[in-house]
């Protein structure tokens, strides 16, 4: 994955569970999705987005979480956005 255009965001030390998740990804040499850097940078401004996304992807629905993930991946690919 290409570096972000905002190096201060990408290099910001994440805390809590998000920081732990990012550390595990780094240790496994797995690229960290850039949106995670943004969510970690200003948690007071992004926590509601994380809760919303979790609710949409994992909350009650006639579609299974796997089907919702497949739709999201397909949409991201069609938009030429790595998912």
N, C-alpha and C. Protein backbone atom coordinates (compact mmCIF):
# COMPACT_ATOMS: atom_id res chain seq x y z
N UNK A 1 0.84 -1.17 0.00
CA UNK A 1 0.00 0.00 0.00
C UNK A 1 0.89 1.23 0.00
N UNK A 2 0.51 2.22 -0.77
CA UNK A 2 1.28 3.44 -0.86
C UNK A 2 1.18 4.24 0.44
N UNK A 3 2.23 4.98 0.80
CA UNK A 3 2.15 5.82 2.00
C UNK A 3 1.04 6.86 1.84
N UNK A 4 0.53 7.31 2.95
CA UNK A 4 -0.49 8.36 2.93
C UNK A 4 0.15 9.69 2.56
N UNK A 5 -0.67 10.64 2.18
CA UNK A 5 -0.19 11.99 1.92
C UNK A 5 -0.06 12.78 3.22
N UNK A 6 -0.46 12.18 4.33
CA UNK A 6 -0.42 12.84 5.64
C UNK A 6 0.48 12.03 6.57
N UNK A 7 1.80 12.20 6.47
CA UNK A 7 2.70 11.37 7.27
C UNK A 7 2.49 11.52 8.78
N UNK A 8 2.07 12.70 9.25
CA UNK A 8 1.84 12.85 10.69
C UNK A 8 0.65 12.01 11.17
N UNK A 9 -0.29 11.75 10.28
CA UNK A 9 -1.42 10.88 10.62
C UNK A 9 -0.95 9.42 10.63
N UNK A 10 -0.22 9.04 9.61
CA UNK A 10 0.23 7.64 9.49
C UNK A 10 1.21 7.26 10.61
N UNK A 11 2.00 8.21 11.08
CA UNK A 11 3.00 7.89 12.10
C UNK A 11 2.48 8.14 13.52
N UNK A 12 1.25 8.62 13.66
CA UNK A 12 0.69 8.88 14.98
C UNK A 12 0.57 7.58 15.78
N UNK A 13 1.07 7.56 17.03
CA UNK A 13 1.00 6.32 17.82
C UNK A 13 -0.42 6.06 18.33
N UNK A 14 -1.05 5.04 17.79
CA UNK A 14 -2.41 4.68 18.20
C UNK A 14 -2.40 4.08 19.60
N UNK A 15 -3.47 4.33 20.34
CA UNK A 15 -3.59 3.80 21.70
C UNK A 15 -4.75 2.81 21.78
N UNK A 16 -4.83 2.12 22.89
CA UNK A 16 -5.95 1.22 23.16
C UNK A 16 -6.02 0.03 22.23
N UNK A 17 -7.23 -0.45 22.04
CA UNK A 17 -7.42 -1.65 21.23
C UNK A 17 -7.04 -1.41 19.77
N UNK A 18 -7.26 -0.20 19.28
CA UNK A 18 -6.87 0.10 17.90
C UNK A 18 -5.35 0.04 17.77
N UNK A 19 -4.63 0.57 18.75
CA UNK A 19 -3.17 0.52 18.74
C UNK A 19 -2.66 -0.92 18.80
N UNK A 20 -3.31 -1.74 19.61
CA UNK A 20 -2.92 -3.15 19.70
C UNK A 20 -3.14 -3.87 18.37
N UNK A 21 -4.27 -3.59 17.73
CA UNK A 21 -4.57 -4.20 16.44
C UNK A 21 -3.53 -3.78 15.41
N UNK A 22 -3.18 -2.50 15.39
CA UNK A 22 -2.20 -2.01 14.43
C UNK A 22 -0.82 -2.61 14.70
N UNK A 23 -0.47 -2.80 15.96
CA UNK A 23 0.82 -3.43 16.31
C UNK A 23 0.85 -4.88 15.83
N UNK A 24 -0.27 -5.60 15.97
CA UNK A 24 -0.33 -6.99 15.49
C UNK A 24 -0.18 -7.05 13.97
N UNK A 25 -0.83 -6.12 13.28
CA UNK A 25 -0.71 -6.10 11.81
C UNK A 25 0.74 -5.81 11.40
N UNK A 26 1.38 -4.85 12.06
CA UNK A 26 2.78 -4.54 11.75
C UNK A 26 3.68 -5.75 12.01
N UNK A 27 3.46 -6.42 13.14
CA UNK A 27 4.28 -7.59 13.50
C UNK A 27 4.12 -8.71 12.48
N UNK A 28 2.93 -8.83 11.91
CA UNK A 28 2.67 -9.86 10.91
C UNK A 28 3.00 -9.38 9.50
N UNK A 29 3.53 -8.17 9.38
CA UNK A 29 3.88 -7.57 8.10
C UNK A 29 2.67 -7.47 7.17
N UNK A 30 1.53 -7.11 7.76
CA UNK A 30 0.30 -6.92 7.02
C UNK A 30 0.05 -5.41 6.93
N UNK A 31 -0.23 -4.89 5.73
CA UNK A 31 -0.48 -3.45 5.60
C UNK A 31 -1.68 -3.01 6.44
N UNK A 32 -1.55 -1.88 7.07
CA UNK A 32 -2.64 -1.33 7.88
C UNK A 32 -3.53 -0.49 6.95
N UNK A 33 -4.83 -0.77 6.92
CA UNK A 33 -5.71 0.06 6.08
C UNK A 33 -5.59 1.53 6.49
N UNK A 34 -5.48 2.40 5.52
CA UNK A 34 -5.25 3.81 5.80
C UNK A 34 -6.36 4.43 6.64
N UNK A 35 -7.58 3.93 6.50
CA UNK A 35 -8.68 4.48 7.30
C UNK A 35 -8.41 4.26 8.79
N UNK A 36 -7.71 3.18 9.14
CA UNK A 36 -7.40 2.93 10.54
C UNK A 36 -6.47 4.00 11.10
N UNK A 37 -5.55 4.49 10.29
CA UNK A 37 -4.68 5.59 10.73
C UNK A 37 -5.52 6.83 11.03
N UNK A 38 -6.47 7.11 10.16
CA UNK A 38 -7.33 8.28 10.39
C UNK A 38 -8.17 8.11 11.65
N UNK A 39 -8.72 6.91 11.85
CA UNK A 39 -9.53 6.66 13.03
C UNK A 39 -8.70 6.78 14.31
N UNK A 40 -7.44 6.40 14.26
CA UNK A 40 -6.57 6.47 15.44
C UNK A 40 -6.08 7.89 15.72
N UNK A 41 -6.02 8.72 14.70
CA UNK A 41 -5.45 10.05 14.84
C UNK A 41 -6.31 10.98 15.69
N UNK A 42 -7.58 11.01 15.44
CA UNK A 42 -8.50 11.89 16.17
C UNK A 42 -9.70 11.07 16.64
N UNK A 43 -9.49 10.28 17.68
CA UNK A 43 -10.54 9.36 18.14
C UNK A 43 -11.81 10.09 18.55
N UNK A 44 -11.67 11.30 19.11
CA UNK A 44 -12.87 12.03 19.53
C UNK A 44 -13.74 12.41 18.34
N UNK A 45 -13.18 12.39 17.14
CA UNK A 45 -13.92 12.76 15.94
C UNK A 45 -14.29 11.56 15.08
N UNK A 46 -13.76 10.40 15.40
CA UNK A 46 -14.00 9.24 14.54
C UNK A 46 -14.64 8.05 15.25
N UNK A 47 -14.70 8.06 16.57
CA UNK A 47 -15.29 6.92 17.28
C UNK A 47 -16.73 6.66 16.85
N UNK A 48 -17.50 7.72 16.61
CA UNK A 48 -18.89 7.52 16.17
C UNK A 48 -18.94 6.84 14.80
N UNK A 49 -17.96 7.15 13.94
CA UNK A 49 -17.92 6.48 12.63
C UNK A 49 -17.59 5.00 12.77
N UNK A 50 -16.70 4.68 13.69
CA UNK A 50 -16.36 3.27 13.94
C UNK A 50 -17.58 2.51 14.48
N UNK A 51 -18.31 3.14 15.40
CA UNK A 51 -19.53 2.49 15.94
C UNK A 51 -20.58 2.31 14.84
N UNK A 52 -20.75 3.33 14.01
CA UNK A 52 -21.71 3.26 12.91
C UNK A 52 -21.35 2.11 11.96
N UNK A 53 -20.09 2.07 11.54
CA UNK A 53 -19.64 1.03 10.62
C UNK A 53 -19.83 -0.36 11.22
N UNK A 54 -19.49 -0.50 12.50
CA UNK A 54 -19.66 -1.80 13.15
C UNK A 54 -21.15 -2.18 13.17
N UNK A 55 -22.01 -1.22 13.46
CA UNK A 55 -23.45 -1.50 13.47
C UNK A 55 -23.97 -1.92 12.11
N UNK A 56 -23.50 -1.25 11.08
CA UNK A 56 -23.94 -1.58 9.71
C UNK A 56 -23.44 -2.96 9.31
N UNK A 57 -22.21 -3.26 9.63
CA UNK A 57 -21.62 -4.52 9.18
C UNK A 57 -21.94 -5.71 10.09
N UNK A 58 -22.23 -5.46 11.34
CA UNK A 58 -22.43 -6.58 12.29
C UNK A 58 -23.78 -6.57 13.00
N UNK A 59 -24.54 -5.49 12.86
CA UNK A 59 -25.83 -5.39 13.55
C UNK A 59 -26.89 -6.26 12.90
N UNK A 60 -28.10 -6.23 13.46
CA UNK A 60 -29.21 -7.03 12.92
C UNK A 60 -29.47 -6.67 11.45
N UNK A 61 -29.67 -7.70 10.64
CA UNK A 61 -29.90 -7.50 9.21
C UNK A 61 -30.37 -8.81 8.59
N UNK A 62 -31.14 -8.72 7.52
CA UNK A 62 -31.48 -9.96 6.81
C UNK A 62 -30.26 -10.55 6.09
N UNK A 63 -29.19 -9.76 5.92
CA UNK A 63 -27.97 -10.24 5.28
C UNK A 63 -26.98 -10.66 6.35
N UNK A 64 -26.26 -11.73 6.09
CA UNK A 64 -25.24 -12.18 7.04
C UNK A 64 -24.05 -11.20 7.00
N UNK A 65 -23.23 -11.16 8.07
CA UNK A 65 -22.03 -10.31 8.03
C UNK A 65 -21.14 -10.64 6.82
N UNK A 66 -21.04 -11.92 6.47
CA UNK A 66 -20.23 -12.31 5.32
C UNK A 66 -20.76 -11.73 4.01
N UNK A 67 -22.08 -11.72 3.86
CA UNK A 67 -22.67 -11.14 2.65
C UNK A 67 -22.42 -9.64 2.60
N UNK A 68 -22.52 -8.99 3.75
CA UNK A 68 -22.26 -7.54 3.80
C UNK A 68 -20.80 -7.24 3.48
N UNK A 69 -19.89 -8.08 3.98
CA UNK A 69 -18.46 -7.90 3.67
C UNK A 69 -18.22 -8.09 2.18
N UNK A 70 -18.88 -9.07 1.59
CA UNK A 70 -18.72 -9.32 0.15
C UNK A 70 -19.22 -8.13 -0.66
N UNK A 71 -20.35 -7.56 -0.28
CA UNK A 71 -20.88 -6.37 -0.96
C UNK A 71 -19.90 -5.20 -0.83
N UNK A 72 -19.36 -5.02 0.37
CA UNK A 72 -18.40 -3.92 0.60
C UNK A 72 -17.14 -4.13 -0.23
N UNK A 73 -16.64 -5.36 -0.29
CA UNK A 73 -15.43 -5.64 -1.07
C UNK A 73 -15.69 -5.43 -2.56
N UNK A 74 -16.83 -5.89 -3.03
CA UNK A 74 -17.18 -5.71 -4.44
C UNK A 74 -17.28 -4.23 -4.78
N UNK A 75 -17.95 -3.47 -3.93
CA UNK A 75 -18.11 -2.03 -4.16
C UNK A 75 -16.77 -1.33 -4.14
N UNK A 76 -15.90 -1.70 -3.20
CA UNK A 76 -14.58 -1.08 -3.13
C UNK A 76 -13.79 -1.38 -4.40
N UNK A 77 -13.87 -2.60 -4.88
CA UNK A 77 -13.15 -2.97 -6.10
C UNK A 77 -13.68 -2.18 -7.29
N UNK A 78 -14.99 -2.06 -7.39
CA UNK A 78 -15.59 -1.29 -8.49
C UNK A 78 -15.17 0.17 -8.43
N UNK A 79 -14.92 0.67 -7.23
CA UNK A 79 -14.47 2.05 -7.05
C UNK A 79 -12.95 2.17 -7.12
N UNK A 80 -12.28 1.07 -7.46
CA UNK A 80 -10.83 1.05 -7.55
C UNK A 80 -10.17 1.45 -6.22
N UNK A 81 -10.77 0.97 -5.14
CA UNK A 81 -10.30 1.29 -3.79
C UNK A 81 -9.90 -0.02 -3.10
N UNK A 82 -8.64 -0.16 -2.64
CA UNK A 82 -8.26 -1.41 -1.96
C UNK A 82 -9.10 -1.62 -0.69
N UNK A 83 -9.54 -2.83 -0.48
CA UNK A 83 -10.40 -3.14 0.67
C UNK A 83 -9.79 -4.24 1.47
